[in-house]
Amino acid sequence: GTPTADRPLVGMCDSARCPQATHHPCHRPVWSEHAERTEIFLVQ
């Protein structure tokens, strides 16, 4: 609810949905680990 801010709120970033975010090979381990951990939670 702060559309006039002059910086992004990195802690609130949903980069999979934001048009200004880009993903690169260096980000793959973070997303891969997130998927693995989420899958573990789903099973449990």
PDB file of all heavy atoms in Angstrom:
ATOM      1  N   GLY A   1       0.809  -1.215   0.000  1.00  0.00           N
ATOM      2  CA  GLY A   1       0.000   0.000   0.000  1.00  0.00           C
ATOM      3  C   GLY A   1       0.841   1.264   0.000  1.00  0.00           C
ATOM      4  O   GLY A   1       0.409   2.299   0.482  1.00  0.00           O
ATOM      5  N   THR A   2       2.056   1.175  -0.552  1.00  0.00           N
ATOM      6  CA  THR A   2       2.949   2.333  -0.621  1.00  0.00           C
ATOM      7  C   THR A   2       3.396   2.560  -2.063  1.00  0.00           C
ATOM      8  O   THR A   2       4.596   2.458  -2.376  1.00  0.00           O
ATOM      9  CB  THR A   2       4.183   2.130   0.277  1.00  0.00           C
ATOM     10  OG1 THR A   2       4.835   0.923  -0.137  1.00  0.00           O
ATOM     11  CG2 THR A   2       3.815   2.040   1.742  1.00  0.00           C
ATOM     12  N   PRO A   3       2.478   2.896  -2.949  1.00  0.00           N
ATOM     13  CA  PRO A   3       2.810   2.992  -4.372  1.00  0.00           C
ATOM     14  C   PRO A   3       3.764   4.123  -4.753  1.00  0.00           C
ATOM     15  O   PRO A   3       4.309   4.129  -5.842  1.00  0.00           O
ATOM     16  CB  PRO A   3       1.451   3.184  -5.040  1.00  0.00           C
ATOM     17  CG  PRO A   3       0.601   3.780  -3.989  1.00  0.00           C
ATOM     18  CD  PRO A   3       1.092   3.218  -2.679  1.00  0.00           C
ATOM     19  N   THR A   4       3.999   5.060  -3.852  1.00  0.00           N
ATOM     20  CA  THR A   4       4.875   6.189  -4.181  1.00  0.00           C
ATOM     21  C   THR A   4       6.284   6.045  -3.602  1.00  0.00           C
ATOM     22  O   THR A   4       7.068   6.980  -3.686  1.00  0.00           O
ATOM     23  CB  THR A   4       4.259   7.513  -3.684  1.00  0.00           C
ATOM     24  OG1 THR A   4       4.073   7.421  -2.266  1.00  0.00           O
ATOM     25  CG2 THR A   4       2.930   7.776  -4.378  1.00  0.00           C
ATOM     26  N   ALA A   5       6.600   4.889  -3.045  1.00  0.00           N
ATOM     27  CA  ALA A   5       7.941   4.688  -2.485  1.00  0.00           C
ATOM     28  C   ALA A   5       8.994   4.791  -3.583  1.00  0.00           C
ATOM     29  O   ALA A   5       8.718   4.530  -4.747  1.00  0.00           O
ATOM     30  CB  ALA A   5       8.022   3.327  -1.799  1.00  0.00           C
ATOM     31  N   ASP A   6      10.199   5.177  -3.190  1.00  0.00           N
ATOM     32  CA  ASP A   6      11.254   5.352  -4.184  1.00  0.00           C
ATOM     33  C   ASP A   6      12.210   4.169  -4.257  1.00  0.00           C
ATOM     34  O   ASP A   6      13.198   4.199  -4.972  1.00  0.00           O
ATOM     35  CB  ASP A   6      12.028   6.641  -3.924  1.00  0.00           C
ATOM     36  CG  ASP A   6      12.704   6.643  -2.566  1.00  0.00           C
ATOM     37  OD1 ASP A   6      12.456   5.723  -1.762  1.00  0.00           O
ATOM     38  OD2 ASP A   6      13.488   7.574  -2.303  1.00  0.00           O
ATOM     39  N   ARG A   7      11.914   3.097  -3.509  1.00  0.00           N
ATOM     40  CA  ARG A   7      12.706   1.870  -3.518  1.00  0.00           C
ATOM     41  C   ARG A   7      11.786   0.673  -3.381  1.00  0.00           C
ATOM     42  O   ARG A   7      10.738   0.772  -2.753  1.00  0.00           O
ATOM     43  CB  ARG A   7      13.645   1.813  -2.320  1.00  0.00           C
ATOM     44  CG  ARG A   7      14.735   2.719  -2.372  1.00  0.00           C
ATOM     45  CD  ARG A   7      15.669   2.449  -1.214  1.00  0.00           C
ATOM     46  NE  ARG A   7      16.370   3.686  -1.044  1.00  0.00           N
ATOM     47  CZ  ARG A   7      16.677   4.226   0.097  1.00  0.00           C
ATOM     48  NH1 ARG A   7      16.379   3.628   1.200  1.00  0.00           N
ATOM     49  NH2 ARG A   7      17.291   5.369   0.133  1.00  0.00           N
ATOM     50  N   PRO A   8      12.201  -0.474  -3.896  1.00  0.00           N
ATOM     51  CA  PRO A   8      11.379  -1.671  -3.709  1.00  0.00           C
ATOM     52  C   PRO A   8      11.470  -2.164  -2.269  1.00  0.00           C
ATOM     53  O   PRO A   8      12.437  -1.869  -1.561  1.00  0.00           O
ATOM     54  CB  PRO A   8      11.998  -2.686  -4.668  1.00  0.00           C
ATOM     55  CG  PRO A   8      13.409  -2.258  -4.799  1.00  0.00           C
ATOM     56  CD  PRO A   8      13.404  -0.758  -4.679  1.00  0.00           C
ATOM     57  N   LEU A   9      10.482  -2.895  -1.848  1.00  0.00           N
ATOM     58  CA  LEU A   9      10.480  -3.528  -0.529  1.00  0.00           C
ATOM     59  C   LEU A   9      10.929  -4.970  -0.739  1.00  0.00           C
ATOM     60  O   LEU A   9      10.119  -5.871  -0.930  1.00  0.00           O
ATOM     61  CB  LEU A   9       9.086  -3.453   0.088  1.00  0.00           C
ATOM     62  CG  LEU A   9       8.536  -2.043   0.259  1.00  0.00           C
ATOM     63  CD1 LEU A   9       7.075  -2.080   0.668  1.00  0.00           C
ATOM     64  CD2 LEU A   9       9.357  -1.277   1.276  1.00  0.00           C
ATOM     65  N   VAL A  10      12.224  -5.174  -0.726  1.00  0.00           N
ATOM     66  CA  VAL A  10      12.804  -6.453  -1.101  1.00  0.00           C
ATOM     67  C   VAL A  10      12.251  -7.593  -0.248  1.00  0.00           C
ATOM     68  O   VAL A  10      12.005  -8.683  -0.751  1.00  0.00           O
ATOM     69  CB  VAL A  10      14.349  -6.400  -1.030  1.00  0.00           C
ATOM     70  CG1 VAL A  10      14.954  -7.731  -1.377  1.00  0.00           C
ATOM     71  CG2 VAL A  10      14.870  -5.324  -1.967  1.00  0.00           C
ATOM     72  N   GLY A  11      11.983  -7.351   1.007  1.00  0.00           N
ATOM     73  CA  GLY A  11      11.449  -8.387   1.890  1.00  0.00           C
ATOM     74  C   GLY A  11      10.038  -8.816   1.535  1.00  0.00           C
ATOM     75  O   GLY A  11       9.589  -9.875   1.948  1.00  0.00           O
ATOM     76  N   MET A  12       9.330  -7.999   0.772  1.00  0.00           N
ATOM     77  CA  MET A  12       7.966  -8.342   0.369  1.00  0.00           C
ATOM     78  C   MET A  12       7.896  -8.777  -1.090  1.00  0.00           C
ATOM     79  O   MET A  12       6.823  -8.946  -1.646  1.00  0.00           O
ATOM     80  CB  MET A  12       7.042  -7.144   0.566  1.00  0.00           C
ATOM     81  CG  MET A  12       6.802  -6.800   2.015  1.00  0.00           C
ATOM     82  SD  MET A  12       5.537  -5.561   2.191  1.00  0.00           S
ATOM     83  CE  MET A  12       4.091  -6.466   1.655  1.00  0.00           C
ATOM     84  N   CYS A  13       9.017  -8.969  -1.706  1.00  0.00           N
ATOM     85  CA  CYS A  13       9.058  -9.290  -3.123  1.00  0.00           C
ATOM     86  C   CYS A  13       8.454 -10.663  -3.411  1.00  0.00           C
ATOM     87  O   CYS A  13       8.797 -11.648  -2.770  1.00  0.00           O
ATOM     88  CB  CYS A  13      10.493  -9.252  -3.634  1.00  0.00           C
ATOM     89  SG  CYS A  13      10.595  -9.557  -5.403  1.00  0.00           S
ATOM     90  N   ASP A  14       7.551 -10.690  -4.356  1.00  0.00           N
ATOM     91  CA  ASP A  14       7.048 -11.947  -4.908  1.00  0.00           C
ATOM     92  C   ASP A  14       7.543 -11.973  -6.348  1.00  0.00           C
ATOM     93  O   ASP A  14       6.807 -11.673  -7.279  1.00  0.00           O
ATOM     94  CB  ASP A  14       5.527 -12.005  -4.828  1.00  0.00           C
ATOM     95  CG  ASP A  14       4.975 -13.351  -5.269  1.00  0.00           C
ATOM     96  OD1 ASP A  14       5.750 -14.173  -5.794  1.00  0.00           O
ATOM     97  OD2 ASP A  14       3.764 -13.576  -5.095  1.00  0.00           O
ATOM     98  N   SER A  15       8.814 -12.291  -6.492  1.00  0.00           N
ATOM     99  CA  SER A  15       9.471 -12.139  -7.791  1.00  0.00           C
ATOM    100  C   SER A  15       8.913 -13.051  -8.871  1.00  0.00           C
ATOM    101  O   SER A  15       9.092 -12.788 -10.052  1.00  0.00           O
ATOM    102  CB  SER A  15      10.969 -12.359  -7.653  1.00  0.00           C
ATOM    103  OG  SER A  15      11.248 -13.689  -7.252  1.00  0.00           O
ATOM    104  N   ALA A  16       8.216 -14.092  -8.485  1.00  0.00           N
ATOM    105  CA  ALA A  16       7.618 -14.965  -9.492  1.00  0.00           C
ATOM    106  C   ALA A  16       6.403 -14.307 -10.138  1.00  0.00           C
ATOM    107  O   ALA A  16       5.938 -14.742 -11.173  1.00  0.00           O
ATOM    108  CB  ALA A  16       7.212 -16.301  -8.872  1.00  0.00           C
ATOM    109  N   ARG A  17       5.902 -13.213  -9.540  1.00  0.00           N
ATOM    110  CA  ARG A  17       4.729 -12.519 -10.073  1.00  0.00           C
ATOM    111  C   ARG A  17       4.996 -11.073 -10.461  1.00  0.00           C
ATOM    112  O   ARG A  17       4.177 -10.453 -11.114  1.00  0.00           O
ATOM    113  CB  ARG A  17       3.612 -12.540  -9.021  1.00  0.00           C
ATOM    114  CG  ARG A  17       3.070 -13.921  -8.767  1.00  0.00           C
ATOM    115  CD  ARG A  17       1.997 -13.968  -7.690  1.00  0.00           C
ATOM    116  NE  ARG A  17       1.127 -12.816  -7.664  1.00  0.00           N
ATOM    117  CZ  ARG A  17       0.579 -12.316  -6.559  1.00  0.00           C
ATOM    118  NH1 ARG A  17       0.814 -12.870  -5.398  1.00  0.00           N
ATOM    119  NH2 ARG A  17      -0.198 -11.268  -6.618  1.00  0.00           N
ATOM    120  N   CYS A  18       6.124 -10.507 -10.056  1.00  0.00           N
ATOM    121  CA  CYS A  18       6.395  -9.092 -10.318  1.00  0.00           C
ATOM    122  C   CYS A  18       7.028  -8.905 -11.695  1.00  0.00           C
ATOM    123  O   CYS A  18       8.005  -9.575 -12.028  1.00  0.00           O
ATOM    124  CB  CYS A  18       7.319  -8.517  -9.253  1.00  0.00           C
ATOM    125  SG  CYS A  18       7.593  -6.736  -9.470  1.00  0.00           S
ATOM    126  N   PRO A  19       6.497  -7.987 -12.489  1.00  0.00           N
ATOM    127  CA  PRO A  19       7.035  -7.783 -13.836  1.00  0.00           C
ATOM    128  C   PRO A  19       8.419  -7.142 -13.873  1.00  0.00           C
ATOM    129  O   PRO A  19       9.070  -7.148 -14.917  1.00  0.00           O
ATOM    130  CB  PRO A  19       5.997  -6.861 -14.484  1.00  0.00           C
ATOM    131  CG  PRO A  19       5.354  -6.143 -13.356  1.00  0.00           C
ATOM    132  CD  PRO A  19       5.358  -7.117 -12.204  1.00  0.00           C
ATOM    133  N   GLN A  20       8.876  -6.614 -12.755  1.00  0.00           N
ATOM    134  CA  GLN A  20      10.191  -5.962 -12.745  1.00  0.00           C
ATOM    135  C   GLN A  20      11.289  -6.874 -12.214  1.00  0.00           C
ATOM    136  O   GLN A  20      12.452  -6.499 -12.169  1.00  0.00           O
ATOM    137  CB  GLN A  20      10.133  -4.668 -11.929  1.00  0.00           C
ATOM    138  CG  GLN A  20       9.171  -3.679 -12.549  1.00  0.00           C
ATOM    139  CD  GLN A  20       9.217  -2.321 -11.901  1.00  0.00           C
ATOM    140  OE1 GLN A  20       9.456  -1.356 -12.578  1.00  0.00           O
ATOM    141  NE2 GLN A  20       8.997  -2.237 -10.608  1.00  0.00           N
ATOM    142  N   ALA A  21      10.925  -8.094 -11.819  1.00  0.00           N
ATOM    143  CA  ALA A  21      11.903  -9.032 -11.283  1.00  0.00           C
ATOM    144  C   ALA A  21      12.414  -9.953 -12.382  1.00  0.00           C
ATOM    145  O   ALA A  21      11.676 -10.331 -13.285  1.00  0.00           O
ATOM    146  CB  ALA A  21      11.271  -9.864 -10.176  1.00  0.00           C
ATOM    147  N   THR A  22      13.703 -10.273 -12.297  1.00  0.00           N
ATOM    148  CA  THR A  22      14.285 -11.238 -13.222  1.00  0.00           C
ATOM    149  C   THR A  22      15.030 -12.299 -12.431  1.00  0.00           C
ATOM    150  O   THR A  22      15.548 -12.032 -11.344  1.00  0.00           O
ATOM    151  CB  THR A  22      15.255 -10.568 -14.221  1.00  0.00           C
ATOM    152  OG1 THR A  22      16.291  -9.904 -13.496  1.00  0.00           O
ATOM    153  CG2 THR A  22      14.535  -9.572 -15.113  1.00  0.00           C
ATOM    154  N   HIS A  23      15.047 -13.502 -12.979  1.00  0.00           N
ATOM    155  CA  HIS A  23      15.730 -14.627 -12.344  1.00  0.00           C
ATOM    156  C   HIS A  23      16.872 -15.070 -13.241  1.00  0.00           C
ATOM    157  O   HIS A  23      16.741 -15.077 -14.461  1.00  0.00           O
ATOM    158  CB  HIS A  23      14.751 -15.791 -12.139  1.00  0.00           C
ATOM    159  CG  HIS A  23      13.570 -15.415 -11.319  1.00  0.00           C
ATOM    160  ND1 HIS A  23      12.333 -15.187 -11.872  1.00  0.00           N
ATOM    161  CD2 HIS A  23      13.434 -15.186  -9.996  1.00  0.00           C
ATOM    162  CE1 HIS A  23      11.484 -14.851 -10.917  1.00  0.00           C
ATOM    163  NE2 HIS A  23      12.127 -14.848  -9.772  1.00  0.00           N
ATOM    164  N   HIS A  24      17.965 -15.456 -12.614  1.00  0.00           N
ATOM    165  CA  HIS A  24      19.167 -15.838 -13.340  1.00  0.00           C
ATOM    166  C   HIS A  24      19.727 -17.131 -12.754  1.00  0.00           C
ATOM    167  O   HIS A  24      19.308 -17.539 -11.668  1.00  0.00           O
ATOM    168  CB  HIS A  24      20.186 -14.702 -13.259  1.00  0.00           C
ATOM    169  CG  HIS A  24      19.637 -13.425 -13.825  1.00  0.00           C
ATOM    170  ND1 HIS A  24      19.764 -13.104 -15.145  1.00  0.00           N
ATOM    171  CD2 HIS A  24      18.910 -12.427 -13.263  1.00  0.00           C
ATOM    172  CE1 HIS A  24      19.152 -11.949 -15.376  1.00  0.00           C
ATOM    173  NE2 HIS A  24      18.629 -11.517 -14.250  1.00  0.00           N
ATOM    174  N   PRO A  25      20.655 -17.776 -13.441  1.00  0.00           N
ATOM    175  CA  PRO A  25      21.196 -19.048 -12.936  1.00  0.00           C
ATOM    176  C   PRO A  25      21.698 -18.986 -11.488  1.00  0.00           C
ATOM    177  O   PRO A  25      21.576 -19.965 -10.752  1.00  0.00           O
ATOM    178  CB  PRO A  25      22.336 -19.361 -13.911  1.00  0.00           C
ATOM    179  CG  PRO A  25      21.888 -18.741 -15.189  1.00  0.00           C
ATOM    180  CD  PRO A  25      21.189 -17.455 -14.772  1.00  0.00           C
ATOM    181  N   CYS A  26      22.217 -17.856 -11.070  1.00  0.00           N
ATOM    182  CA  CYS A  26      22.703 -17.744  -9.686  1.00  0.00           C
ATOM    183  C   CYS A  26      21.560 -17.829  -8.669  1.00  0.00           C
ATOM    184  O   CYS A  26      21.791 -18.100  -7.488  1.00  0.00           O
ATOM    185  CB  CYS A  26      23.498 -16.457  -9.492  1.00  0.00           C
ATOM    186  SG  CYS A  26      22.547 -14.940  -9.747  1.00  0.00           S
ATOM    187  N   HIS A  27      20.317 -17.615  -9.107  1.00  0.00           N
ATOM    188  CA  HIS A  27      19.161 -17.684  -8.218  1.00  0.00           C
ATOM    189  C   HIS A  27      18.550 -19.081  -8.155  1.00  0.00           C
ATOM    190  O   HIS A  27      17.713 -19.356  -7.303  1.00  0.00           O
ATOM    191  CB  HIS A  27      18.079 -16.692  -8.675  1.00  0.00           C
ATOM    192  CG  HIS A  27      18.552 -15.294  -8.694  1.00  0.00           C
ATOM    193  ND1 HIS A  27      18.537 -14.534  -9.834  1.00  0.00           N
ATOM    194  CD2 HIS A  27      19.085 -14.509  -7.726  1.00  0.00           C
ATOM    195  CE1 HIS A  27      19.025 -13.335  -9.565  1.00  0.00           C
ATOM    196  NE2 HIS A  27      19.379 -13.299  -8.299  1.00  0.00           N
ATOM    197  N   ARG A  28      18.964 -19.958  -9.049  1.00  0.00           N
ATOM    198  CA  ARG A  28      18.361 -21.282  -9.125  1.00  0.00           C
ATOM    199  C   ARG A  28      18.442 -22.068  -7.818  1.00  0.00           C
ATOM    200  O   ARG A  28      17.465 -22.692  -7.404  1.00  0.00           O
ATOM    201  CB  ARG A  28      18.985 -22.094 -10.265  1.00  0.00           C
ATOM    202  CG  ARG A  28      18.229 -23.383 -10.539  1.00  0.00           C
ATOM    203  CD  ARG A  28      18.939 -24.266 -11.550  1.00  0.00           C
ATOM    204  NE  ARG A  28      18.111 -25.352 -11.981  1.00  0.00           N
ATOM    205  CZ  ARG A  28      17.817 -26.411 -11.230  1.00  0.00           C
ATOM    206  NH1 ARG A  28      18.288 -26.520  -9.995  1.00  0.00           N
ATOM    207  NH2 ARG A  28      17.047 -27.383 -11.702  1.00  0.00           N
ATOM    208  N   PRO A  29      19.600 -22.089  -7.120  1.00  0.00           N
ATOM    209  CA  PRO A  29      19.657 -22.866  -5.870  1.00  0.00           C
ATOM    210  C   PRO A  29      18.625 -22.416  -4.834  1.00  0.00           C
ATOM    211  O   PRO A  29      18.057 -23.248  -4.124  1.00  0.00           O
ATOM    212  CB  PRO A  29      21.086 -22.626  -5.360  1.00  0.00           C
ATOM    213  CG  PRO A  29      21.874 -22.261  -6.573  1.00  0.00           C
ATOM    214  CD  PRO A  29      20.920 -21.518  -7.464  1.00  0.00           C
ATOM    215  N   VAL A  30      18.363 -21.130  -4.753  1.00  0.00           N
ATOM    216  CA  VAL A  30      17.384 -20.622  -3.783  1.00  0.00           C
ATOM    217  C   VAL A  30      15.996 -21.162  -4.109  1.00  0.00           C
ATOM    218  O   VAL A  30      15.284 -21.657  -3.225  1.00  0.00           O
ATOM    219  CB  VAL A  30      17.373 -19.075  -3.781  1.00  0.00           C
ATOM    220  CG1 VAL A  30      16.255 -18.536  -2.907  1.00  0.00           C
ATOM    221  CG2 VAL A  30      18.709 -18.528  -3.331  1.00  0.00           C
ATOM    222  N   TRP A  31      15.609 -21.088  -5.390  1.00  0.00           N
ATOM    223  CA  TRP A  31      14.280 -21.550  -5.805  1.00  0.00           C
ATOM    224  C   TRP A  31      14.171 -23.066  -5.726  1.00  0.00           C
ATOM    225  O   TRP A  31      13.134 -23.608  -5.339  1.00  0.00           O
ATOM    226  CB  TRP A  31      13.967 -21.043  -7.208  1.00  0.00           C
ATOM    227  CG  TRP A  31      13.630 -19.598  -7.190  1.00  0.00           C
ATOM    228  CD1 TRP A  31      14.471 -18.549  -7.454  1.00  0.00           C
ATOM    229  CD2 TRP A  31      12.379 -19.016  -6.854  1.00  0.00           C
ATOM    230  NE1 TRP A  31      13.808 -17.370  -7.310  1.00  0.00           N
ATOM    231  CE2 TRP A  31      12.518 -17.623  -6.940  1.00  0.00           C
ATOM    232  CE3 TRP A  31      11.152 -19.543  -6.487  1.00  0.00           C
ATOM    233  CZ2 TRP A  31      11.474 -16.748  -6.679  1.00  0.00           C
ATOM    234  CZ3 TRP A  31      10.103 -18.678  -6.227  1.00  0.00           C
ATOM    235  CH2 TRP A  31      10.271 -17.298  -6.315  1.00  0.00           C
ATOM    236  N   SER A  32      15.227 -23.766  -6.085  1.00  0.00           N
ATOM    237  CA  SER A  32      15.220 -25.214  -6.033  1.00  0.00           C
ATOM    238  C   SER A  32      15.073 -25.713  -4.596  1.00  0.00           C
ATOM    239  O   SER A  32      14.283 -26.609  -4.304  1.00  0.00           O
ATOM    240  CB  SER A  32      16.512 -25.751  -6.649  1.00  0.00           C
ATOM    241  OG  SER A  32      16.540 -27.146  -6.616  1.00  0.00           O
ATOM    242  N   GLU A  33      15.830 -25.112  -3.696  1.00  0.00           N
ATOM    243  CA  GLU A  33      15.732 -25.493  -2.282  1.00  0.00           C
ATOM    244  C   GLU A  33      14.343 -25.163  -1.725  1.00  0.00           C
ATOM    245  O   GLU A  33      13.779 -25.940  -0.963  1.00  0.00           O
ATOM    246  CB  GLU A  33      16.809 -24.779  -1.462  1.00  0.00           C
ATOM    247  CG  GLU A  33      16.790 -25.182   0.000  1.00  0.00           C
ATOM    248  CD  GLU A  33      17.871 -24.503   0.815  1.00  0.00           C
ATOM    249  OE1 GLU A  33      18.826 -23.952   0.231  1.00  0.00           O
ATOM    250  OE2 GLU A  33      17.739 -24.509   2.051  1.00  0.00           O
ATOM    251  N   HIS A  34      13.800 -24.028  -2.134  1.00  0.00           N
ATOM    252  CA  HIS A  34      12.463 -23.658  -1.681  1.00  0.00           C
ATOM    253  C   HIS A  34      11.436 -24.702  -2.135  1.00  0.00           C
ATOM    254  O   HIS A  34      10.584 -25.124  -1.354  1.00  0.00           O
ATOM    255  CB  HIS A  34      12.086 -22.275  -2.213  1.00  0.00           C
ATOM    256  CG  HIS A  34      10.716 -21.841  -1.841  1.00  0.00           C
ATOM    257  ND1 HIS A  34      10.327 -21.624  -0.535  1.00  0.00           N
ATOM    258  CD2 HIS A  34       9.617 -21.613  -2.604  1.00  0.00           C
ATOM    259  CE1 HIS A  34       9.053 -21.267  -0.509  1.00  0.00           C
ATOM    260  NE2 HIS A  34       8.600 -21.257  -1.762  1.00  0.00           N
ATOM    261  N   ALA A  35      11.538 -25.135  -3.388  1.00  0.00           N
ATOM    262  CA  ALA A  35      10.619 -26.160  -3.904  1.00  0.00           C
ATOM    263  C   ALA A  35      10.777 -27.466  -3.120  1.00  0.00           C
ATOM    264  O   ALA A  35       9.775 -28.093  -2.745  1.00  0.00           O
ATOM    265  CB  ALA A  35      10.868 -26.394  -5.385  1.00  0.00           C
ATOM    266  N   GLU A  36      12.009 -27.870  -2.857  1.00  0.00           N
ATOM    267  CA  GLU A  36      12.257 -29.111  -2.118  1.00  0.00           C
ATOM    268  C   GLU A  36      11.682 -29.052  -0.708  1.00  0.00           C
ATOM    269  O   GLU A  36      11.024 -29.999  -0.260  1.00  0.00           O
ATOM    270  CB  GLU A  36      13.758 -29.398  -2.054  1.00  0.00           C
ATOM    271  CG  GLU A  36      14.361 -29.789  -3.381  1.00  0.00           C
ATOM    272  CD  GLU A  36      15.880 -29.840  -3.352  1.00  0.00           C
ATOM    273  OE1 GLU A  36      16.478 -29.804  -2.249  1.00  0.00           O
ATOM    274  OE2 GLU A  36      16.480 -29.901  -4.442  1.00  0.00           O
ATOM    275  N   ARG A  37      11.901 -27.949  -0.020  1.00  0.00           N
ATOM    276  CA  ARG A  37      11.385 -27.819   1.351  1.00  0.00           C
ATOM    277  C   ARG A  37       9.862 -27.745   1.374  1.00  0.00           C
ATOM    278  O   ARG A  37       9.224 -28.316   2.260  1.00  0.00           O
ATOM    279  CB  ARG A  37      11.984 -26.592   2.032  1.00  0.00           C
ATOM    280  CG  ARG A  37      13.430 -26.790   2.365  1.00  0.00           C
ATOM    281  CD  ARG A  37      14.005 -25.624   3.091  1.00  0.00           C
ATOM    282  NE  ARG A  37      15.408 -25.861   3.358  1.00  0.00           N
ATOM    283  CZ  ARG A  37      16.095 -25.230   4.274  1.00  0.00           C
ATOM    284  NH1 ARG A  37      15.531 -24.308   5.001  1.00  0.00           N
ATOM    285  NH2 ARG A  37      17.367 -25.497   4.453  1.00  0.00           N
ATOM    286  N   THR A  38       9.286 -27.068   0.409  1.00  0.00           N
ATOM    287  CA  THR A  38       7.835 -26.980   0.341  1.00  0.00           C
ATOM    288  C   THR A  38       7.236 -28.351   0.074  1.00  0.00           C
ATOM    289  O   THR A  38       6.211 -28.717   0.657  1.00  0.00           O
ATOM    290  CB  THR A  38       7.399 -25.971  -0.746  1.00  0.00           C
ATOM    291  OG1 THR A  38       8.009 -24.714  -0.471  1.00  0.00           O
ATOM    292  CG2 THR A  38       5.891 -25.803  -0.762  1.00  0.00           C
ATOM    293  N   GLU A  39       7.881 -29.131  -0.776  1.00  0.00           N
ATOM    294  CA  GLU A  39       7.404 -30.485  -1.059  1.00  0.00           C
ATOM    295  C   GLU A  39       7.436 -31.340   0.215  1.00  0.00           C
ATOM    296  O   GLU A  39       6.502 -32.112   0.479  1.00  0.00           O
ATOM    297  CB  GLU A  39       8.261 -31.117  -2.154  1.00  0.00           C
ATOM    298  CG  GLU A  39       7.773 -32.482  -2.580  1.00  0.00           C
ATOM    299  CD  GLU A  39       8.609 -33.070  -3.699  1.00  0.00           C
ATOM    300  OE1 GLU A  39       9.827 -32.802  -3.756  1.00  0.00           O
ATOM    301  OE2 GLU A  39       8.026 -33.793  -4.507  1.00  0.00           O
ATOM    302  N   ILE A  40       8.473 -31.190   1.015  1.00  0.00           N
ATOM    303  CA  ILE A  40       8.568 -31.930   2.282  1.00  0.00           C
ATOM    304  C   ILE A  40       7.408 -31.548   3.200  1.00  0.00           C
ATOM    305  O   ILE A  40       6.764 -32.406   3.808  1.00  0.00           O
ATOM    306  CB  ILE A  40       9.928 -31.675   2.964  1.00  0.00           C
ATOM    307  CG1 ILE A  40      11.045 -32.340   2.165  1.00  0.00           C
ATOM    308  CG2 ILE A  40       9.927 -32.171   4.405  1.00  0.00           C
ATOM    309  CD1 ILE A  40      12.452 -31.936   2.585  1.00  0.00           C
ATOM    310  N   PHE A  41       7.118 -30.252   3.307  1.00  0.00           N
ATOM    311  CA  PHE A  41       5.985 -29.808   4.133  1.00  0.00           C
ATOM    312  C   PHE A  41       4.677 -30.385   3.627  1.00  0.00           C
ATOM    313  O   PHE A  41       3.824 -30.806   4.403  1.00  0.00           O
ATOM    314  CB  PHE A  41       5.884 -28.283   4.169  1.00  0.00           C
ATOM    315  CG  PHE A  41       6.894 -27.628   5.058  1.00  0.00           C
ATOM    316  CD1 PHE A  41       7.690 -26.611   4.573  1.00  0.00           C
ATOM    317  CD2 PHE A  41       7.045 -28.004   6.382  1.00  0.00           C
ATOM    318  CE1 PHE A  41       8.632 -25.987   5.383  1.00  0.00           C
ATOM    319  CE2 PHE A  41       7.981 -27.398   7.202  1.00  0.00           C
ATOM    320  CZ  PHE A  41       8.772 -26.379   6.701  1.00  0.00           C
ATOM    321  N   LEU A  42       4.506 -30.411   2.312  1.00  0.00           N
ATOM    322  CA  LEU A  42       3.269 -30.950   1.728  1.00  0.00           C
ATOM    323  C   LEU A  42       3.078 -32.420   2.086  1.00  0.00           C
ATOM    324  O   LEU A  42       1.956 -32.849   2.402  1.00  0.00           O
ATOM    325  CB  LEU A  42       3.276 -30.774   0.212  1.00  0.00           C
ATOM    326  CG  LEU A  42       2.914 -29.392  -0.292  1.00  0.00           C
ATOM    327  CD1 LEU A  42       3.277 -29.251  -1.770  1.00  0.00           C
ATOM    328  CD2 LEU A  42       1.433 -29.111  -0.076  1.00  0.00           C
ATOM    329  N   VAL A  43       4.149 -33.182   2.034  1.00  0.00           N
ATOM    330  CA  VAL A  43       4.069 -34.615   2.353  1.00  0.00           C
ATOM    331  C   VAL A  43       3.696 -34.813   3.820  1.00  0.00           C
ATOM    332  O   VAL A  43       2.927 -35.709   4.156  1.00  0.00           O
ATOM    333  CB  VAL A  43       5.409 -35.309   2.018  1.00  0.00           C
ATOM    334  CG1 VAL A  43       5.456 -36.715   2.573  1.00  0.00           C
ATOM    335  CG2 VAL A  43       5.641 -35.317   0.523  1.00  0.00           C
ATOM    336  N   GLN A  44       4.205 -33.960   4.683  1.00  0.00           N
ATOM    337  CA  GLN A  44       3.977 -34.107   6.122  1.00  0.00           C
ATOM    338  C   GLN A  44       2.669 -33.483   6.596  1.00  0.00           C
ATOM    339  O   GLN A  44       2.252 -33.717   7.726  1.00  0.00           O
ATOM    340  CB  GLN A  44       5.142 -33.499   6.893  1.00  0.00           C
ATOM    341  CG  GLN A  44       6.447 -34.213   6.660  1.00  0.00           C
ATOM    342  CD  GLN A  44       7.619 -33.530   7.337  1.00  0.00           C
ATOM    343  OE1 GLN A  44       7.489 -32.442   7.875  1.00  0.00           O
ATOM    344  NE2 GLN A  44       8.770 -34.167   7.298  1.00  0.00           N
TER     345      GLN A  44
END
